[in-house]
N, C-alpha and C. Protein backbone atom coordinates (compact mmCIF):
# COMPACT_ATOMS: atom_id res chain seq x y z
N MET A 1 -21.13 11.24 -9.80
CA MET A 1 -19.76 10.99 -9.82
C MET A 1 -19.32 10.81 -8.29
N ALA A 2 -18.58 9.77 -8.13
CA ALA A 2 -18.17 9.45 -6.70
C ALA A 2 -16.97 10.25 -6.29
N GLY A 3 -16.90 10.48 -4.99
CA GLY A 3 -15.58 11.19 -4.32
C GLY A 3 -14.41 10.29 -4.29
N SER A 4 -13.61 10.47 -3.42
CA SER A 4 -12.36 9.73 -3.46
C SER A 4 -12.68 8.37 -2.98
N PRO A 5 -11.85 7.28 -3.32
CA PRO A 5 -11.97 6.00 -2.97
C PRO A 5 -11.87 5.91 -1.44
N ASP A 6 -12.40 4.74 -0.92
CA ASP A 6 -12.18 4.49 0.45
C ASP A 6 -10.80 4.11 0.80
N ALA A 7 -10.06 3.47 -0.20
CA ALA A 7 -8.73 3.04 0.04
C ALA A 7 -8.11 2.65 -1.32
N ILE A 8 -6.86 2.47 -1.32
CA ILE A 8 -6.10 1.96 -2.45
C ILE A 8 -5.36 0.81 -1.79
N VAL A 9 -5.50 -0.39 -2.47
CA VAL A 9 -4.76 -1.64 -2.05
C VAL A 9 -3.94 -2.13 -3.20
N ILE A 10 -2.72 -2.35 -2.94
CA ILE A 10 -1.84 -2.93 -4.01
C ILE A 10 -1.32 -4.17 -3.42
N VAL A 11 -1.65 -5.32 -4.12
CA VAL A 11 -1.32 -6.59 -3.72
C VAL A 11 -0.41 -7.41 -4.76
N GLY A 12 0.61 -8.04 -4.29
CA GLY A 12 1.54 -8.76 -5.22
C GLY A 12 2.67 -9.35 -4.56
N SER A 13 3.41 -10.02 -5.48
CA SER A 13 4.63 -10.58 -4.88
C SER A 13 5.88 -9.65 -5.09
N LYS A 14 7.01 -9.88 -4.56
CA LYS A 14 8.07 -8.94 -4.66
C LYS A 14 8.38 -8.76 -6.10
N VAL A 15 8.75 -7.43 -6.38
CA VAL A 15 9.20 -7.18 -7.86
C VAL A 15 10.43 -6.32 -7.85
N ARG A 16 11.33 -6.72 -8.44
CA ARG A 16 12.59 -5.98 -8.45
C ARG A 16 12.80 -5.54 -9.99
N LEU A 17 13.14 -4.29 -10.17
CA LEU A 17 13.58 -3.61 -11.45
C LEU A 17 14.92 -3.24 -11.42
N ASP A 18 15.66 -3.18 -12.46
CA ASP A 18 17.11 -2.69 -12.48
C ASP A 18 17.10 -1.26 -12.19
N LYS A 19 16.03 -0.42 -12.53
CA LYS A 19 16.14 1.00 -12.27
C LYS A 19 15.25 1.44 -11.02
N LYS A 20 15.70 2.37 -10.42
CA LYS A 20 14.89 2.95 -9.31
C LYS A 20 13.83 3.72 -9.91
N VAL A 21 12.63 3.75 -9.18
CA VAL A 21 11.59 4.59 -9.53
C VAL A 21 11.85 6.06 -9.01
N PRO A 22 11.81 7.08 -9.88
CA PRO A 22 12.06 8.45 -9.49
C PRO A 22 10.93 9.00 -8.41
N LEU A 23 11.27 9.08 -7.06
CA LEU A 23 10.25 9.45 -6.20
C LEU A 23 9.83 10.86 -6.43
N GLU A 24 10.58 11.75 -6.91
CA GLU A 24 10.24 13.18 -7.07
C GLU A 24 9.06 13.21 -8.02
N ALA A 25 8.96 12.41 -9.14
CA ALA A 25 7.89 12.43 -10.10
C ALA A 25 6.63 11.90 -9.44
N LEU A 26 6.67 11.03 -8.53
CA LEU A 26 5.54 10.59 -7.77
C LEU A 26 5.08 11.63 -6.81
N LYS A 27 5.93 12.19 -6.14
CA LYS A 27 5.64 13.31 -5.08
C LYS A 27 4.96 14.49 -5.88
N LYS A 28 5.37 14.79 -7.12
CA LYS A 28 4.59 15.97 -7.72
C LYS A 28 3.23 15.71 -8.08
N LYS A 29 2.71 14.41 -8.17
CA LYS A 29 1.38 14.01 -8.31
C LYS A 29 0.54 14.33 -7.35
N GLY A 30 1.13 14.66 -6.01
CA GLY A 30 0.26 15.04 -4.99
C GLY A 30 0.00 13.92 -4.03
N GLU A 31 -0.70 14.26 -2.92
CA GLU A 31 -0.95 13.24 -1.89
C GLU A 31 -2.13 12.34 -2.25
N VAL A 32 -2.05 11.29 -1.59
CA VAL A 32 -3.11 10.28 -1.86
C VAL A 32 -4.17 10.61 -0.77
N MET A 33 -5.52 10.80 -1.20
CA MET A 33 -6.50 11.33 -0.35
C MET A 33 -7.25 10.20 0.48
N CYS A 34 -6.66 9.03 0.48
CA CYS A 34 -7.27 7.91 1.17
C CYS A 34 -6.17 6.92 1.64
N PRO A 35 -6.36 6.11 2.56
CA PRO A 35 -5.36 5.17 2.93
C PRO A 35 -4.83 4.32 1.80
N LEU A 36 -3.53 4.13 1.86
CA LEU A 36 -2.94 3.32 0.81
C LEU A 36 -2.14 2.10 1.51
N PHE A 37 -2.66 0.96 1.02
CA PHE A 37 -2.05 -0.27 1.59
C PHE A 37 -1.31 -1.01 0.64
N TYR A 38 -0.23 -1.74 0.96
CA TYR A 38 0.66 -2.51 0.21
C TYR A 38 0.77 -3.89 0.79
N LEU A 39 0.11 -4.93 0.15
CA LEU A 39 0.29 -6.33 0.71
C LEU A 39 1.25 -7.01 -0.20
N ASN A 40 2.36 -7.28 0.35
CA ASN A 40 3.45 -7.86 -0.46
C ASN A 40 3.76 -9.35 0.01
N TYR A 41 3.57 -10.26 -0.99
CA TYR A 41 3.87 -11.66 -0.59
C TYR A 41 5.24 -11.84 -0.72
N ASN A 42 5.87 -12.36 0.39
CA ASN A 42 7.27 -12.60 0.50
C ASN A 42 7.50 -13.91 1.10
N ALA A 43 7.71 -14.92 0.29
CA ALA A 43 7.92 -16.31 0.85
C ALA A 43 9.01 -16.43 1.72
N ASP A 44 10.05 -15.64 1.72
CA ASP A 44 11.25 -15.90 2.48
C ASP A 44 11.81 -14.50 2.97
N PRO A 45 11.01 -13.84 3.87
CA PRO A 45 11.42 -12.57 4.38
C PRO A 45 12.80 -12.49 5.12
N PHE A 46 13.19 -13.62 5.66
CA PHE A 46 14.45 -13.64 6.34
C PHE A 46 15.71 -13.53 5.46
N ASN A 47 15.51 -13.99 4.25
CA ASN A 47 16.68 -13.91 3.28
C ASN A 47 16.46 -12.82 2.15
N ASP A 48 15.23 -12.27 2.29
CA ASP A 48 14.93 -11.18 1.35
C ASP A 48 14.13 -10.12 2.08
N PRO A 49 14.82 -9.40 3.13
CA PRO A 49 14.03 -8.54 3.96
C PRO A 49 13.93 -7.01 3.33
N TRP A 50 14.60 -6.83 2.26
CA TRP A 50 14.58 -5.47 1.75
C TRP A 50 13.36 -5.11 0.94
N PRO A 51 12.94 -3.87 0.79
CA PRO A 51 11.75 -3.51 0.04
C PRO A 51 11.93 -3.74 -1.48
N ASP A 52 10.96 -4.18 -2.01
CA ASP A 52 10.99 -4.22 -3.54
C ASP A 52 10.81 -3.05 -4.18
N THR A 53 10.69 -2.97 -5.50
CA THR A 53 10.60 -1.66 -6.35
C THR A 53 9.31 -1.06 -5.96
N ILE A 54 8.30 -1.81 -5.81
CA ILE A 54 6.84 -1.09 -5.51
C ILE A 54 6.98 -0.51 -4.06
N GLY A 55 7.63 -1.23 -3.05
CA GLY A 55 7.64 -0.69 -1.70
C GLY A 55 8.46 0.47 -1.75
N SER A 56 9.59 0.49 -2.45
CA SER A 56 10.47 1.77 -2.50
C SER A 56 9.83 2.83 -3.11
N ALA A 57 9.05 2.58 -4.12
CA ALA A 57 8.32 3.73 -4.82
C ALA A 57 7.30 4.40 -3.89
N LEU A 58 6.52 3.57 -3.09
CA LEU A 58 5.44 3.93 -2.11
C LEU A 58 5.98 4.91 -1.06
N LYS A 59 7.31 4.90 -0.89
CA LYS A 59 7.86 5.86 0.08
C LYS A 59 7.66 7.33 -0.31
N ALA A 60 7.18 7.54 -1.46
CA ALA A 60 6.91 8.82 -1.95
C ALA A 60 5.62 9.40 -1.24
N TYR A 61 4.78 8.51 -0.60
CA TYR A 61 3.52 8.87 -0.10
C TYR A 61 3.70 8.69 1.48
N LYS A 62 3.01 9.58 2.18
CA LYS A 62 3.02 9.44 3.67
C LYS A 62 1.97 8.47 4.08
N GLY A 63 2.20 7.82 5.12
CA GLY A 63 1.16 6.92 5.81
C GLY A 63 0.88 5.65 5.02
N VAL A 64 1.74 5.19 4.18
CA VAL A 64 1.41 3.88 3.55
C VAL A 64 1.66 2.79 4.59
N LEU A 65 0.61 1.87 4.51
CA LEU A 65 0.84 0.82 5.41
C LEU A 65 1.19 -0.37 4.65
N ALA A 66 2.31 -1.00 4.80
CA ALA A 66 2.84 -2.06 3.98
C ALA A 66 2.80 -3.35 4.97
N TYR A 67 2.47 -4.56 4.38
CA TYR A 67 2.37 -5.80 5.04
C TYR A 67 3.14 -6.78 4.28
N ASP A 68 4.10 -7.55 4.99
CA ASP A 68 4.72 -8.73 4.33
C ASP A 68 3.79 -9.97 4.61
N ILE A 69 3.43 -10.49 3.54
CA ILE A 69 2.52 -11.68 3.65
C ILE A 69 3.32 -12.93 3.34
N ARG A 70 3.37 -13.74 4.30
CA ARG A 70 4.02 -15.09 4.23
C ARG A 70 3.08 -16.20 4.43
N TYR A 71 2.21 -16.09 5.37
CA TYR A 71 1.28 -17.12 5.77
C TYR A 71 -0.18 -16.61 5.69
N PRO A 72 -1.18 -17.51 5.59
CA PRO A 72 -2.51 -17.08 5.50
C PRO A 72 -2.89 -16.11 6.60
N SER A 73 -2.33 -16.46 7.84
CA SER A 73 -2.67 -15.53 9.03
C SER A 73 -2.12 -14.16 8.91
N ASP A 74 -1.01 -14.03 8.16
CA ASP A 74 -0.54 -12.62 7.87
C ASP A 74 -1.48 -11.77 7.10
N LEU A 75 -2.15 -12.54 6.12
CA LEU A 75 -3.23 -11.73 5.38
C LEU A 75 -4.41 -11.35 6.27
N GLY A 76 -4.78 -12.30 7.09
CA GLY A 76 -5.84 -12.01 7.92
C GLY A 76 -5.57 -10.78 8.84
N VAL A 77 -4.40 -10.68 9.40
CA VAL A 77 -3.96 -9.53 10.15
C VAL A 77 -4.07 -8.25 9.30
N ALA A 78 -3.53 -8.34 8.11
CA ALA A 78 -3.48 -7.22 7.23
C ALA A 78 -4.82 -6.74 6.84
N VAL A 79 -5.71 -7.55 6.51
CA VAL A 79 -7.28 -7.26 6.19
C VAL A 79 -7.92 -6.70 7.49
N ARG A 80 -7.73 -7.22 8.66
CA ARG A 80 -8.37 -6.69 9.81
C ARG A 80 -7.92 -5.31 9.95
N GLU A 81 -6.45 -5.03 9.91
CA GLU A 81 -6.11 -3.64 10.25
C GLU A 81 -6.50 -2.69 9.04
N MET A 82 -6.54 -3.23 7.68
CA MET A 82 -7.04 -2.29 6.66
C MET A 82 -8.44 -1.91 7.03
N PHE A 83 -9.41 -2.83 7.33
CA PHE A 83 -10.71 -2.53 7.56
C PHE A 83 -10.81 -1.60 8.74
N ALA A 84 -10.07 -1.78 9.85
CA ALA A 84 -10.07 -0.91 11.05
C ALA A 84 -9.71 0.51 10.60
N THR A 85 -8.69 0.68 9.77
CA THR A 85 -8.22 1.98 9.24
C THR A 85 -9.35 2.61 8.36
N ILE A 86 -9.88 1.93 7.60
CA ILE A 86 -10.88 2.54 6.70
C ILE A 86 -12.14 2.92 7.41
N VAL A 87 -12.57 2.21 8.42
CA VAL A 87 -13.74 2.51 9.19
C VAL A 87 -13.60 3.83 10.07
N LYS A 88 -12.27 4.03 10.47
CA LYS A 88 -12.03 5.23 11.24
C LYS A 88 -12.01 6.51 10.40
N ARG A 89 -11.93 6.48 9.02
CA ARG A 89 -12.03 7.64 8.22
C ARG A 89 -13.41 8.17 8.21
N PRO A 90 -13.51 9.47 8.00
CA PRO A 90 -14.85 10.02 7.81
C PRO A 90 -15.37 9.56 6.28
N PRO A 91 -16.65 9.47 6.24
CA PRO A 91 -17.12 8.97 4.81
C PRO A 91 -16.62 9.96 3.76
N SER A 92 -16.30 9.36 2.66
CA SER A 92 -15.90 10.28 1.44
C SER A 92 -17.18 10.97 0.86
N ASP A 93 -16.90 12.07 0.16
CA ASP A 93 -17.99 12.84 -0.41
C ASP A 93 -18.60 11.96 -1.53
N GLN A 94 -19.52 11.28 -1.57
CA GLN A 94 -20.14 10.52 -2.70
C GLN A 94 -21.38 11.15 -3.12
N SER A 95 -21.28 11.85 -4.17
CA SER A 95 -22.64 12.40 -4.96
C SER A 95 -22.81 11.64 -6.12
N PHE A 96 -23.91 11.06 -6.36
CA PHE A 96 -24.16 10.33 -7.49
C PHE A 96 -25.02 11.07 -8.40
């Protein structure tokens, strides 16, 4: 059985729901034991700069690294930073 994952990566376009996600319910689940990344495709960040529902919900967790992806180069920057963050972590306990 493997230990914790090296990272959690959430990728998608902006999502808006009519209801807010209750942050307290997410906080009760506990901390995330690995880096958490959110890559959010936002074709027009100047006219839509506010966080979407997923981005707002992820505020329940400390240390989430969120990236607005508009151009391919934005994705490249995000992936480089994700790998740099993951490599800095001590290896997870992996017992098979």
